C-alpha atoms as a PDB file:
ATOM      1  CA  MET A   1     -92.948  61.800 117.956  1.00  0.00           C
ATOM      2  CA  SER A   2     -91.482  61.476 114.270  1.00  0.00           C
ATOM      3  CA  TRP A   3     -93.534  59.681 111.566  1.00  0.00           C
ATOM      4  CA  VAL A   4     -91.591  56.429 111.508  1.00  0.00           C
ATOM      5  CA  HIS A   5     -92.289  55.841 115.278  1.00  0.00           C
ATOM      6  CA  GLU A   6     -96.293  56.727 114.762  1.00  0.00           C
ATOM      7  CA  LEU A   7     -96.175  54.489 112.158  1.00  0.00           C
ATOM      8  CA  ALA A   8     -94.233  51.479 113.649  1.00  0.00           C
ATOM      9  CA  ARG A   9     -95.426  48.846 115.718  1.00  0.00           C
ATOM     10  CA  PRO A  10     -94.830  50.801 119.089  1.00  0.00           C
ATOM     11  CA  ASP A  11     -93.209  47.903 120.616  1.00  0.00           C
ATOM     12  CA  ILE A  12     -90.552  47.538 117.907  1.00  0.00           C
ATOM     13  CA  VAL A  13     -90.213  51.317 118.991  1.00  0.00           C
ATOM     14  CA  ALA A  14     -89.869  50.874 122.522  1.00  0.00           C
ATOM     15  CA  LEU A  15     -87.303  47.654 122.207  1.00  0.00           C
ATOM     16  CA  ARG A  16     -83.902  48.075 123.792  1.00  0.00           C
ATOM     17  CA  PRO A  17     -81.742  46.050 121.147  1.00  0.00           C
ATOM     18  CA  TYR A  18     -79.479  43.240 121.720  1.00  0.00           C
ATOM     19  CA  GLU A  19     -76.161  44.519 122.994  1.00  0.00           C
ATOM     20  CA  HIS A  20     -73.446  42.401 120.953  1.00  0.00           C
ATOM     21  CA  ALA A  21     -69.877  42.152 121.501  1.00  0.00           C
ATOM     22  CA  SER A  22     -68.033  45.921 121.140  1.00  0.00           C
ATOM     23  CA  TRP A  23     -65.741  46.162 117.827  1.00  0.00           C
ATOM     24  CA  GLU A  24     -62.745  47.339 118.505  1.00  0.00           C
ATOM     25  CA  PRO A  25     -60.311  45.769 115.907  1.00  0.00           C
ATOM     26  CA  SER A  26     -57.071  47.053 117.583  1.00  0.00           C
ATOM     27  CA  LEU A  27     -57.070  45.321 120.627  1.00  0.00           C
ATOM     28  CA  GLU A  28     -57.124  41.563 121.400  1.00  0.00           C
ATOM     29  CA  ARG A  29     -60.616  40.201 121.701  1.00  0.00           C
ATOM     30  CA  LEU A  30     -61.266  38.128 124.992  1.00  0.00           C
ATOM     31  CA  HIS A  31     -64.571  39.471 125.395  1.00  0.00           C
ATOM     32  CA  ALA A  32     -67.093  37.267 122.745  1.00  0.00           C
ATOM     33  CA  ASN A  33     -66.311  33.728 123.980  1.00  0.00           C
ATOM     34  CA  GLU A  34     -64.552  33.249 120.704  1.00  0.00           C
ATOM     35  CA  LEU A  35     -62.451  30.350 120.316  1.00  0.00           C
ATOM     36  CA  PRO A  36     -58.834  32.037 119.828  1.00  0.00           C
ATOM     37  CA  TRP A  37     -57.319  29.958 117.180  1.00  0.00           C
ATOM     38  CA  ARG A  38     -58.125  30.133 113.510  1.00  0.00           C
ATOM     39  CA  PRO A  39     -59.156  26.431 111.374  1.00  0.00           C
ATOM     40  CA  ALA A  40     -56.510  25.377 109.892  1.00  0.00           C
ATOM     41  CA  GLU A  41     -58.884  25.063 106.840  1.00  0.00           C
ATOM     42  CA  ASP A  42     -59.601  28.874 106.950  1.00  0.00           C
ATOM     43  CA  ASN A  43     -58.391  30.884 104.421  1.00  0.00           C
ATOM     44  CA  SER A  44     -60.485  34.351 104.902  1.00  0.00           C
ATOM     45  CA  ARG A  45     -58.937  37.391 105.719  1.00  0.00           C
ATOM     46  CA  ALA A  46     -60.290  38.127 109.087  1.00  0.00           C
ATOM     47  CA  GLY A  47     -60.381  34.628 110.111  1.00  0.00           C
ATOM     48  CA  LEU A  48     -63.748  32.826 110.947  1.00  0.00           C
ATOM     49  CA  ASN A  49     -63.226  32.064 114.691  1.00  0.00           C
ATOM     50  CA  ARG A  50     -64.082  35.521 114.984  1.00  0.00           C
ATOM     51  CA  TYR A  51     -67.727  37.447 115.076  1.00  0.00           C
ATOM     52  CA  PRO A  52     -67.535  39.407 111.668  1.00  0.00           C
ATOM     53  CA  GLU A  53     -68.338  43.382 112.072  1.00  0.00           C
ATOM     54  CA  PRO A  54     -71.941  44.192 112.905  1.00  0.00           C
ATOM     55  CA  GLN A  55     -73.339  46.548 109.767  1.00  0.00           C
ATOM     56  CA  PRO A  56     -69.640  46.277 108.809  1.00  0.00           C
ATOM     57  CA  ARG A  57     -68.599  50.303 108.067  1.00  0.00           C
ATOM     58  CA  ALA A  58     -66.290  49.376 105.283  1.00  0.00           C
ATOM     59  CA  LEU A  59     -69.315  47.541 103.411  1.00  0.00           C
ATOM     60  CA  ILE A  60     -72.035  49.977 104.571  1.00  0.00           C
ATOM     61  CA  GLU A  61     -69.399  53.071 103.216  1.00  0.00           C
ATOM     62  CA  ARG A  62     -69.421  50.977  99.888  1.00  0.00           C
ATOM     63  CA  LEU A  63     -73.061  50.615  99.184  1.00  0.00           C
ATOM     64  CA  ALA A  64     -73.240  53.590 100.165  1.00  0.00           C
ATOM     65  CA  GLN A  65     -70.928  55.112  97.494  1.00  0.00           C
ATOM     66  CA  LEU A  66     -72.237  52.443  94.792  1.00  0.00           C
ATOM     67  CA  TYR A  67     -75.842  53.715  95.351  1.00  0.00           C
ATOM     68  CA  CYS A  68     -75.342  57.632  95.840  1.00  0.00           C
ATOM     69  CA  VAL A  69     -76.744  57.778  99.597  1.00  0.00           C
ATOM     70  CA  ALA A  70     -75.569  58.682 102.838  1.00  0.00           C
ATOM     71  CA  PRO A  71     -73.664  55.926 104.902  1.00  0.00           C
ATOM     72  CA  ALA A  72     -77.043  56.286 107.555  1.00  0.00           C
ATOM     73  CA  ALA A  73     -79.352  55.463 104.698  1.00  0.00           C
ATOM     74  CA  VAL A  74     -77.711  51.997 104.207  1.00  0.00           C
ATOM     75  CA  LEU A  75     -78.650  48.735 106.214  1.00  0.00           C
ATOM     76  CA  ALA A  76     -76.903  45.784 104.931  1.00  0.00           C
ATOM     77  CA  GLY A  77     -78.930  41.917 104.981  1.00  0.00           C
ATOM     78  CA  ARG A  78     -78.884  38.726 103.571  1.00  0.00           C
ATOM     79  CA  GLY A  79     -79.981  39.236 100.429  1.00  0.00           C
ATOM     80  CA  SER A  80     -83.409  41.425  99.710  1.00  0.00           C
ATOM     81  CA  ASP A  81     -85.508  38.948 101.575  1.00  0.00           C
ATOM     82  CA  GLU A  82     -84.029  39.672 105.024  1.00  0.00           C
ATOM     83  CA  ALA A  83     -84.906  43.303 104.359  1.00  0.00           C
ATOM     84  CA  ILE A  84     -88.326  42.347 103.643  1.00  0.00           C
ATOM     85  CA  ASP A  85     -89.354  40.636 106.536  1.00  0.00           C
ATOM     86  CA  LEU A  86     -87.475  43.370 108.784  1.00  0.00           C
ATOM     87  CA  LEU A  87     -89.344  45.944 107.498  1.00  0.00           C
ATOM     88  CA  THR A  88     -93.129  43.413 107.717  1.00  0.00           C
ATOM     89  CA  ARG A  89     -91.753  42.662 111.419  1.00  0.00           C
ATOM     90  CA  ALA A  90     -91.312  46.307 112.032  1.00  0.00           C
ATOM     91  CA  PHE A  91     -93.936  47.738 110.959  1.00  0.00           C
ATOM     92  CA  CYS A  92     -97.321  45.439 110.738  1.00  0.00           C
ATOM     93  CA  ARG A  93     -98.949  44.357 114.084  1.00  0.00           C
ATOM     94  CA  ALA A  94    -100.486  40.574 113.536  1.00  0.00           C
ATOM     95  CA  GLY A  95    -103.869  40.713 113.438  1.00  0.00           C
ATOM     96  CA  ARG A  96    -104.508  44.797 112.593  1.00  0.00           C
ATOM     97  CA  ASP A  97    -102.236  45.402 110.089  1.00  0.00           C
ATOM     98  CA  ALA A  98    -101.721  44.686 106.173  1.00  0.00           C
ATOM     99  CA  VAL A  99     -99.000  45.113 103.464  1.00  0.00           C
ATOM    100  CA  LEU A 100    -100.496  45.806  99.646  1.00  0.00           C
ATOM    101  CA  VAL A 101     -99.001  44.041  96.749  1.00  0.00           C
ATOM    102  CA  CYS A 102     -99.400  44.073  92.931  1.00  0.00           C
ATOM    103  CA  PRO A 103    -100.023  40.904  91.612  1.00  0.00           C
ATOM    104  CA  PRO A 104     -98.561  39.164  89.303  1.00  0.00           C
ATOM    105  CA  THR A 105     -95.491  40.073  91.495  1.00  0.00           C
ATOM    106  CA  PHE A 106     -92.558  38.464  93.535  1.00  0.00           C
ATOM    107  CA  GLY A 107     -94.151  35.987  96.238  1.00  0.00           C
ATOM    108  CA  MET A 108     -92.003  37.006  99.381  1.00  0.00           C
ATOM    109  CA  TYR A 109     -94.271  40.192 100.084  1.00  0.00           C
ATOM    110  CA  SER A 110     -97.289  38.321 100.883  1.00  0.00           C
ATOM    111  CA  VAL A 111     -95.276  35.365 102.553  1.00  0.00           C
ATOM    112  CA  CYS A 112     -93.647  37.537 105.082  1.00  0.00           C
ATOM    113  CA  ALA A 113     -97.058  39.173 105.677  1.00  0.00           C
ATOM    114  CA  ARG A 114     -98.704  36.431 106.075  1.00  0.00           C
ATOM    115  CA  ILE A 115     -95.896  34.984 108.920  1.00  0.00           C
ATOM    116  CA  GLN A 116     -96.374  37.759 110.462  1.00  0.00           C
ATOM    117  CA  GLY A 117    -100.071  37.594 110.573  1.00  0.00           C
ATOM    118  CA  ALA A 118    -101.123  40.604 108.800  1.00  0.00           C
ATOM    119  CA  GLU A 119    -103.662  41.007 106.132  1.00  0.00           C
ATOM    120  CA  VAL A 120    -102.196  41.348 102.696  1.00  0.00           C
ATOM    121  CA  VAL A 121    -104.249  43.620 100.602  1.00  0.00           C
ATOM    122  CA  GLN A 122    -104.087  43.111  96.279  1.00  0.00           C
ATOM    123  CA  ALA A 123    -104.278  46.005  93.926  1.00  0.00           C
ATOM    124  CA  PRO A 124    -103.381  43.773  90.423  1.00  0.00           C
ATOM    125  CA  LEU A 125    -101.258  45.376  88.040  1.00  0.00           C
ATOM    126  CA  LEU A 126    -103.101  46.487  84.774  1.00  0.00           C
ATOM    127  CA  ALA A 127    -102.515  43.540  82.278  1.00  0.00           C
ATOM    128  CA  ALA A 128    -103.789  45.043  79.218  1.00  0.00           C
ATOM    129  CA  SER A 129    -101.303  47.911  79.673  1.00  0.00           C
ATOM    130  CA  GLY A 130     -98.167  46.074  79.706  1.00  0.00           C
ATOM    131  CA  PHE A 131     -98.701  45.003  83.661  1.00  0.00           C
ATOM    132  CA  ALA A 132     -98.778  48.954  84.382  1.00  0.00           C
ATOM    133  CA  LEU A 133     -99.521  50.363  88.006  1.00  0.00           C
ATOM    134  CA  ASP A 134    -103.128  50.465  88.428  1.00  0.00           C
ATOM    135  CA  GLU A 135    -102.586  53.983  90.627  1.00  0.00           C
ATOM    136  CA  ALA A 136    -106.181  54.361  91.279  1.00  0.00           C
ATOM    137  CA  ALA A 137    -106.671  51.135  93.070  1.00  0.00           C
ATOM    138  CA  ILE A 138    -103.388  51.081  94.893  1.00  0.00           C
ATOM    139  CA  LEU A 139    -104.959  54.957  96.335  1.00  0.00           C
ATOM    140  CA  GLU A 140    -108.342  53.414  97.084  1.00  0.00           C
ATOM    141  CA  ARG A 141    -107.294  49.913  99.092  1.00  0.00           C
ATOM    142  CA  CYS A 142    -104.647  51.619 100.950  1.00  0.00           C
ATOM    143  CA  THR A 143    -106.497  52.000 104.050  1.00  0.00           C
ATOM    144  CA  ALA A 144    -105.432  53.055 107.699  1.00  0.00           C
ATOM    145  CA  GLY A 145    -104.051  49.489 108.228  1.00  0.00           C
ATOM    146  CA  VAL A 146    -101.765  49.247 105.384  1.00  0.00           C
ATOM    147  CA  LYS A 147     -98.011  50.072 106.377  1.00  0.00           C
ATOM    148  CA  LEU A 148     -96.346  48.973 103.756  1.00  0.00           C
ATOM    149  CA  ILE A 149     -96.770  48.955  99.378  1.00  0.00           C
ATOM    150  CA  PHE A 150     -94.497  46.498  98.138  1.00  0.00           C
ATOM    151  CA  LEU A 151     -93.497  47.373  94.353  1.00  0.00           C
ATOM    152  CA  CYS A 152     -91.075  45.571  92.113  1.00  0.00           C
ATOM    153  CA  SER A 153     -89.390  47.202  89.565  1.00  0.00           C
ATOM    154  CA  PRO A 154     -88.677  45.487  87.010  1.00  0.00           C
ATOM    155  CA  ASN A 155     -91.295  43.612  88.089  1.00  0.00           C
ATOM    156  CA  ASN A 156     -90.983  39.334  88.478  1.00  0.00           C
ATOM    157  CA  PRO A 157     -92.162  37.720  86.654  1.00  0.00           C
ATOM    158  CA  THR A 158     -93.173  40.110  84.276  1.00  0.00           C
ATOM    159  CA  GLY A 159     -89.984  41.867  83.557  1.00  0.00           C
ATOM    160  CA  ASN A 160     -91.366  45.036  83.077  1.00  0.00           C
ATOM    161  CA  LEU A 161     -90.462  48.711  84.768  1.00  0.00           C
ATOM    162  CA  LEU A 162     -92.938  50.573  86.516  1.00  0.00           C
ATOM    163  CA  ASP A 163     -93.594  53.758  85.972  1.00  0.00           C
ATOM    164  CA  GLU A 164     -91.550  56.667  88.046  1.00  0.00           C
ATOM    165  CA  GLY A 165     -93.853  59.214  87.416  1.00  0.00           C
ATOM    166  CA  VAL A 166     -96.329  56.800  89.214  1.00  0.00           C
ATOM    167  CA  ILE A 167     -94.598  55.515  92.219  1.00  0.00           C
ATOM    168  CA  ALA A 168     -93.036  58.964  92.900  1.00  0.00           C
ATOM    169  CA  ARG A 169     -97.177  60.298  93.279  1.00  0.00           C
ATOM    170  CA  ILE A 170     -98.163  57.209  94.972  1.00  0.00           C
ATOM    171  CA  ALA A 171     -95.396  57.835  97.731  1.00  0.00           C
ATOM    172  CA  ARG A 172     -95.852  61.806  97.806  1.00  0.00           C
ATOM    173  CA  ARG A 173    -100.025  60.622  98.707  1.00  0.00           C
ATOM    174  CA  LEU A 174     -99.103  58.432 100.946  1.00  0.00           C
ATOM    175  CA  ALA A 175     -96.655  60.260 103.154  1.00  0.00           C
ATOM    176  CA  GLY A 176     -96.746  59.633 106.678  1.00  0.00           C
ATOM    177  CA  ARG A 177     -99.799  57.209 106.193  1.00  0.00           C
ATOM    178  CA  ALA A 178     -97.590  54.093 104.590  1.00  0.00           C
ATOM    179  CA  LEU A 179     -94.103  53.088 103.652  1.00  0.00           C
ATOM    180  CA  VAL A 180     -93.593  52.418  99.820  1.00  0.00           C
ATOM    181  CA  VAL A 181     -90.992  49.829  99.146  1.00  0.00           C
ATOM    182  CA  ILE A 182     -89.404  49.277  95.758  1.00  0.00           C
ATOM    183  CA  ASP A 183     -87.701  46.255  94.733  1.00  0.00           C
ATOM    184  CA  GLU A 184     -84.761  46.796  92.301  1.00  0.00           C
ATOM    185  CA  ALA A 185     -83.629  43.279  92.363  1.00  0.00           C
ATOM    186  CA  TYR A 186     -83.287  43.364  88.753  1.00  0.00           C
ATOM    187  CA  ILE A 187     -82.198  47.233  87.834  1.00  0.00           C
ATOM    188  CA  GLU A 188     -79.146  47.072  86.459  1.00  0.00           C
ATOM    189  CA  PHE A 189     -80.163  44.510  83.947  1.00  0.00           C
ATOM    190  CA  ALA A 190     -82.679  47.748  82.819  1.00  0.00           C
ATOM    191  CA  GLY A 191     -79.721  49.891  82.368  1.00  0.00           C
ATOM    192  CA  GLN A 192     -80.999  52.376  84.542  1.00  0.00           C
ATOM    193  CA  PRO A 193     -79.777  53.642  88.247  1.00  0.00           C
ATOM    194  CA  GLY A 194     -83.028  53.175  90.071  1.00  0.00           C
ATOM    195  CA  LEU A 195     -84.938  55.543  92.274  1.00  0.00           C
ATOM    196  CA  ALA A 196     -82.362  55.476  94.720  1.00  0.00           C
ATOM    197  CA  ARG A 197     -81.580  59.403  94.321  1.00  0.00           C
ATOM    198  CA  LEU A 198     -85.491  60.002  95.604  1.00  0.00           C
ATOM    199  CA  VAL A 199     -84.768  58.593  98.799  1.00  0.00           C
ATOM    200  CA  ALA A 200     -83.899  61.994 100.059  1.00  0.00           C
ATOM    201  CA  GLU A 201     -86.623  63.999  98.899  1.00  0.00           C
ATOM    202  CA  LEU A 202     -89.317  60.867  99.678  1.00  0.00           C
ATOM    203  CA  PRO A 203     -88.925  59.769 103.239  1.00  0.00           C
ATOM    204  CA  ASN A 204     -91.409  57.327 103.191  1.00  0.00           C
ATOM    205  CA  LEU A 205     -90.122  55.653  99.838  1.00  0.00           C
ATOM    206  CA  ALA A 206     -87.168  52.614 100.683  1.00  0.00           C
ATOM    207  CA  ILE A 207     -85.447  50.922  97.681  1.00  0.00           C
ATOM    208  CA  LEU A 208     -84.216  47.088  97.873  1.00  0.00           C
ATOM    209  CA  ARG A 209     -81.145  46.184  96.431  1.00  0.00           C
ATOM    210  CA  THR A 210     -79.549  42.927  95.760  1.00  0.00           C
ATOM    211  CA  PHE A 211     -75.846  41.079  94.761  1.00  0.00           C
ATOM    212  CA  SER A 212     -77.654  38.071  94.189  1.00  0.00           C
ATOM    213  CA  LYS A 213     -78.462  38.912  90.173  1.00  0.00           C
ATOM    214  CA  ALA A 214     -76.287  41.287  88.494  1.00  0.00           C
ATOM    215  CA  TYR A 215     -73.198  40.852  90.694  1.00  0.00           C
ATOM    216  CA  GLY A 216     -73.501  36.449  90.660  1.00  0.00           C
ATOM    217  CA  LEU A 217     -73.418  36.582  94.259  1.00  0.00           C
ATOM    218  CA  ALA A 218     -76.467  34.594  94.843  1.00  0.00           C
ATOM    219  CA  GLY A 219     -74.960  32.071  97.277  1.00  0.00           C
ATOM    220  CA  ALA A 220     -73.185  34.763  99.675  1.00  0.00           C
ATOM    221  CA  ARG A 221     -76.654  36.238 100.406  1.00  0.00           C
ATOM    222  CA  CYS A 222     -75.921  40.006 100.617  1.00  0.00           C
ATOM    223  CA  GLY A 223     -78.253  42.990  99.846  1.00  0.00           C
ATOM    224  CA  ALA A 224     -79.240  46.100 100.938  1.00  0.00           C
ATOM    225  CA  LEU A 225     -82.145  48.362 101.799  1.00  0.00           C
ATOM    226  CA  LEU A 226     -81.798  52.364 101.322  1.00  0.00           C
ATOM    227  CA  ALA A 227     -84.136  53.939 102.983  1.00  0.00           C
ATOM    228  CA  ASP A 228     -84.733  57.480 105.530  1.00  0.00           C
ATOM    229  CA  PRO A 229     -82.003  56.888 108.296  1.00  0.00           C
ATOM    230  CA  GLU A 230     -84.749  56.614 110.946  1.00  0.00           C
ATOM    231  CA  ILE A 231     -86.194  53.669 109.566  1.00  0.00           C
ATOM    232  CA  ILE A 232     -82.443  51.936 109.096  1.00  0.00           C
ATOM    233  CA  ALA A 233     -81.767  53.208 112.983  1.00  0.00           C
ATOM    234  CA  LEU A 234     -85.489  51.776 113.774  1.00  0.00           C
ATOM    235  CA  LEU A 235     -84.415  48.224 111.612  1.00  0.00           C
ATOM    236  CA  ARG A 236     -80.934  47.453 113.327  1.00  0.00           C
ATOM    237  CA  LYS A 237     -82.883  47.400 116.179  1.00  0.00           C
ATOM    238  CA  ILE A 238     -84.202  43.794 115.170  1.00  0.00           C
ATOM    239  CA  ILE A 239     -81.721  42.557 112.667  1.00  0.00           C
ATOM    240  CA  PRO A 240     -79.488  40.089 113.941  1.00  0.00           C
ATOM    241  CA  PRO A 241     -76.166  41.458 115.600  1.00  0.00           C
ATOM    242  CA  TYR A 242     -73.923  39.261 112.998  1.00  0.00           C
ATOM    243  CA  ALA A 243     -76.061  39.242 109.589  1.00  0.00           C
ATOM    244  CA  ILE A 244     -73.287  39.506 107.646  1.00  0.00           C
ATOM    245  CA  PRO A 245     -71.333  36.792 107.502  1.00  0.00           C
ATOM    246  CA  GLN A 246     -66.641  37.132 106.826  1.00  0.00           C
ATOM    247  CA  PRO A 247     -66.830  35.465 103.570  1.00  0.00           C
ATOM    248  CA  THR A 248     -69.727  36.897 101.863  1.00  0.00           C
ATOM    249  CA  LEU A 249     -67.900  40.373 103.440  1.00  0.00           C
ATOM    250  CA  GLU A 250     -65.021  39.420 101.758  1.00  0.00           C
ATOM    251  CA  ALA A 251     -66.661  38.040  98.557  1.00  0.00           C
ATOM    252  CA  VAL A 252     -68.746  41.441  98.351  1.00  0.00           C
ATOM    253  CA  LEU A 253     -66.166  43.841  98.409  1.00  0.00           C
ATOM    254  CA  ASP A 254     -64.057  41.811  96.410  1.00  0.00           C
ATOM    255  CA  ARG A 255     -66.718  41.910  93.591  1.00  0.00           C
ATOM    256  CA  LEU A 256     -66.983  46.159  94.345  1.00  0.00           C
ATOM    257  CA  THR A 257     -63.280  46.667  93.154  1.00  0.00           C
ATOM    258  CA  PRO A 258     -63.091  48.578  89.960  1.00  0.00           C
ATOM    259  CA  ALA A 259     -61.567  45.814  88.235  1.00  0.00           C
ATOM    260  CA  ALA A 260     -64.756  43.604  89.179  1.00  0.00           C
ATOM    261  CA  LEU A 261     -67.037  45.938  88.025  1.00  0.00           C
ATOM    262  CA  ALA A 262     -65.591  46.567  84.739  1.00  0.00           C
ATOM    263  CA  ARG A 263     -65.985  42.703  84.312  1.00  0.00           C
ATOM    264  CA  SER A 264     -69.406  42.934  85.489  1.00  0.00           C
ATOM    265  CA  ARG A 265     -70.304  45.740  83.159  1.00  0.00           C
ATOM    266  CA  ALA A 266     -69.252  43.196  80.199  1.00  0.00           C
ATOM    267  CA  GLN A 267     -71.166  40.347  81.487  1.00  0.00           C
ATOM    268  CA  LEU A 268     -74.227  42.934  81.649  1.00  0.00           C
ATOM    269  CA  ALA A 269     -73.853  43.858  78.031  1.00  0.00           C
ATOM    270  CA  VAL A 270     -73.516  40.464  76.639  1.00  0.00           C
ATOM    271  CA  LEU A 271     -76.444  38.902  78.987  1.00  0.00           C
ATOM    272  CA  ARG A 272     -78.849  42.313  77.404  1.00  0.00           C
ATOM    273  CA  ALA A 273     -77.618  40.902  73.936  1.00  0.00           C
ATOM    274  CA  GLU A 274     -78.867  37.698  74.710  1.00  0.00           C
ATOM    275  CA  ARG A 275     -82.058  38.721  76.167  1.00  0.00           C
ATOM    276  CA  GLU A 276     -82.754  40.714  72.508  1.00  0.00           C
ATOM    277  CA  ARG A 277     -81.719  37.570  71.042  1.00  0.00           C
ATOM    278  CA  LEU A 278     -84.172  35.221  72.565  1.00  0.00           C
ATOM    279  CA  LEU A 279     -86.955  37.931  72.691  1.00  0.00           C
ATOM    280  CA  THR A 280     -86.758  37.951  68.403  1.00  0.00           C
ATOM    281  CA  ALA A 281     -86.197  34.620  68.547  1.00  0.00           C
ATOM    282  CA  LEU A 282     -88.814  32.851  70.653  1.00  0.00           C
ATOM    283  CA  PRO A 283     -91.920  34.551  69.072  1.00  0.00           C
ATOM    284  CA  ARG A 284     -90.862  32.825  65.790  1.00  0.00           C
ATOM    285  CA  LEU A 285     -91.014  28.999  67.417  1.00  0.00           C
ATOM    286  CA  PRO A 286     -93.899  26.587  67.127  1.00  0.00           C
ATOM    287  CA  GLY A 287     -96.357  26.785  70.270  1.00  0.00           C
ATOM    288  CA  VAL A 288     -95.241  30.395  71.510  1.00  0.00           C
ATOM    289  CA  VAL A 289     -98.313  32.394  71.924  1.00  0.00           C
ATOM    290  CA  ARG A 290     -96.389  35.566  73.470  1.00  0.00           C
ATOM    291  CA  VAL A 291     -93.392  37.150  74.463  1.00  0.00           C
ATOM    292  CA  TRP A 292     -93.336  39.726  77.061  1.00  0.00           C
ATOM    293  CA  PRO A 293     -91.473  42.826  76.764  1.00  0.00           C
ATOM    294  CA  THR A 294     -88.392  42.818  79.757  1.00  0.00           C
ATOM    295  CA  ALA A 295     -85.879  44.819  81.214  1.00  0.00           C
ATOM    296  CA  ALA A 296     -84.772  42.776  83.938  1.00  0.00           C
ATOM    297  CA  ASN A 297     -82.460  39.120  82.677  1.00  0.00           C
ATOM    298  CA  PHE A 298     -85.215  37.002  82.206  1.00  0.00           C
ATOM    299  CA  VAL A 299     -87.761  36.455  79.631  1.00  0.00           C
ATOM    300  CA  LEU A 300     -92.295  35.658  79.929  1.00  0.00           C
ATOM    301  CA  VAL A 301     -93.278  33.430  77.739  1.00  0.00           C
ATOM    302  CA  GLU A 302     -96.910  32.232  76.725  1.00  0.00           C
ATOM    303  CA  LEU A 303     -97.069  28.558  75.202  1.00  0.00           C
ATOM    304  CA  GLU A 304    -100.186  26.683  73.738  1.00  0.00           C
ATOM    305  CA  ASP A 305     -98.826  24.030  76.011  1.00  0.00           C
ATOM    306  CA  ALA A 306     -96.690  25.058  79.285  1.00  0.00           C
ATOM    307  CA  GLY A 307     -96.093  21.622  80.668  1.00  0.00           C
ATOM    308  CA  ALA A 308     -94.574  20.327  76.764  1.00  0.00           C
ATOM    309  CA  GLY A 309     -92.378  23.540  77.117  1.00  0.00           C
ATOM    310  CA  LEU A 310     -91.058  22.360  80.590  1.00  0.00           C
ATOM    311  CA  MET A 311     -90.412  19.271  79.457  1.00  0.00           C
ATOM    312  CA  ARG A 312     -89.006  20.045  76.167  1.00  0.00           C
ATOM    313  CA  GLY A 313     -86.136  22.093  78.662  1.00  0.00           C
ATOM    314  CA  ARG A 314     -85.977  19.092  81.060  1.00  0.00           C
ATOM    315  CA  ASP A 315     -84.931  17.152  77.732  1.00  0.00           C
ATOM    316  CA  ALA A 316     -82.467  19.712  77.197  1.00  0.00           C
ATOM    317  CA  ARG A 317     -80.674  19.658  80.598  1.00  0.00           C
ATOM    318  CA  LEU A 318     -82.576  23.149  81.450  1.00  0.00           C
ATOM    319  CA  LEU A 319     -84.650  23.795  84.219  1.00  0.00           C
ATOM    320  CA  LEU A 320     -87.406  26.914  83.617  1.00  0.00           C
ATOM    321  CA  ARG A 321     -90.026  28.671  86.156  1.00  0.00           C
ATOM    322  CA  ASP A 322     -93.240  27.532  86.038  1.00  0.00           C
ATOM    323  CA  ALA A 323     -95.445  30.593  86.001  1.00  0.00           C
ATOM    324  CA  ARG A 324     -98.840  29.225  85.201  1.00  0.00           C
ATOM    325  CA  ALA A 325     -99.748  29.809  89.213  1.00  0.00           C
ATOM    326  CA  TYR A 326     -99.861  33.242  89.082  1.00  0.00           C
ATOM    327  CA  PRO A 327    -102.874  35.008  88.145  1.00  0.00           C
ATOM    328  CA  GLY A 328    -103.380  35.724  84.575  1.00  0.00           C
ATOM    329  CA  LEU A 329    -100.182  33.612  83.628  1.00  0.00           C
ATOM    330  CA  GLU A 330    -101.938  30.500  83.220  1.00  0.00           C
ATOM    331  CA  ARG A 331    -100.362  29.154  80.229  1.00  0.00           C
ATOM    332  CA  ALA A 332     -96.867  31.173  80.966  1.00  0.00           C
ATOM    333  CA  LEU A 333     -93.081  29.986  81.910  1.00  0.00           C
ATOM    334  CA  ARG A 334     -90.204  32.535  82.981  1.00  0.00           C
ATOM    335  CA  ILE A 335     -87.147  31.898  81.051  1.00  0.00           C
ATOM    336  CA  THR A 336     -83.961  33.000  82.804  1.00  0.00           C
ATOM    337  CA  VAL A 337     -81.422  34.758  80.067  1.00  0.00           C
ATOM    338  CA  GLY A 338     -78.231  32.238  79.984  1.00  0.00           C
ATOM    339  CA  THR A 339     -75.158  31.685  78.462  1.00  0.00           C
ATOM    340  CA  PRO A 340     -75.294  31.839  74.365  1.00  0.00           C
ATOM    341  CA  GLU A 341     -74.732  27.878  74.439  1.00  0.00           C
ATOM    342  CA  GLN A 342     -77.697  27.449  77.174  1.00  0.00           C
ATOM    343  CA  ASN A 343     -79.562  29.701  74.952  1.00  0.00           C
ATOM    344  CA  SER A 344     -79.129  28.135  72.228  1.00  0.00           C
ATOM    345  CA  ARG A 345     -79.765  25.143  73.319  1.00  0.00           C
ATOM    346  CA  LEU A 346     -83.276  25.979  74.514  1.00  0.00           C
ATOM    347  CA  LEU A 347     -84.376  27.327  71.311  1.00  0.00           C
ATOM    348  CA  GLU A 348     -83.079  24.624  69.690  1.00  0.00           C
ATOM    349  CA  ALA A 349     -85.238  22.390  71.909  1.00  0.00           C
ATOM    350  CA  TRP A 350     -88.557  24.467  71.379  1.00  0.00           C
ATOM    351  CA  SER A 351     -88.040  24.637  68.120  1.00  0.00           C
END
């Protein structure tokens, strides 16, 4: 038995997946109980009266090319959230298994674990070291019941990149025992390629990527899991058969044309420059206690009065994220880097 099957839930390994209608676009479809006419308002290329292709081949191949992995190592889903949920359901038995998280971090890891009935084990980031990973604590707390370790890099809400060497060491130490999942939702803003290149070398390393952030498609809901082909094959058993809606498929493929990618690179350059402007200007404002370094598209700020900062943002017609519920961030707000005009409005409101 493979290490993936030993680690995964036995009932998922044995599961016979739903058999969706076959995909043969050269033939006319009288096998899926669809309406034969397109709606008059339908301006999609393929027709919304037809079910979309399960795990669309064109999308999977394009994502494999984008992230430099094999097509068999790619699963497309509705944002990173769906992949987090699928991983938790596939590997964690309710009341028996656990996931490990490193707070303060993205809340969906714990939410998905608790929905599944899995325990949540914590190894907090080291705030005094710039929210670095506590490698010793992670390894110590990764007991036999811990099946998944979720690490976010750049981390949300702190914005810092996690040390690649530490991540690789953790993955090697836990080979065959646990899956190390790296959430790289914000990696494009860091100007680095990410860790997808290590997936073939470290089969218990999985990467989450998304089109919600740098590609501006949050409303389209599309993301990707990059992992060992055995993991991808297992998750394909439980992902809904038509996970990628046709409008989403077309939007993502259009966003990955050379011209669209060039526009994206230009937008990222503007955003990075605006991020640096905020990092320079915010510490000089009254009431700002601390501004943390960031490699993401947001800035974490500690204020003397975070509530007043929120209200002054609202007065300037700007919504900011209240981060005070995170442990150790009791006076912090998270600010998404906006347009130059929006950023100037915020700085003026806080002056």
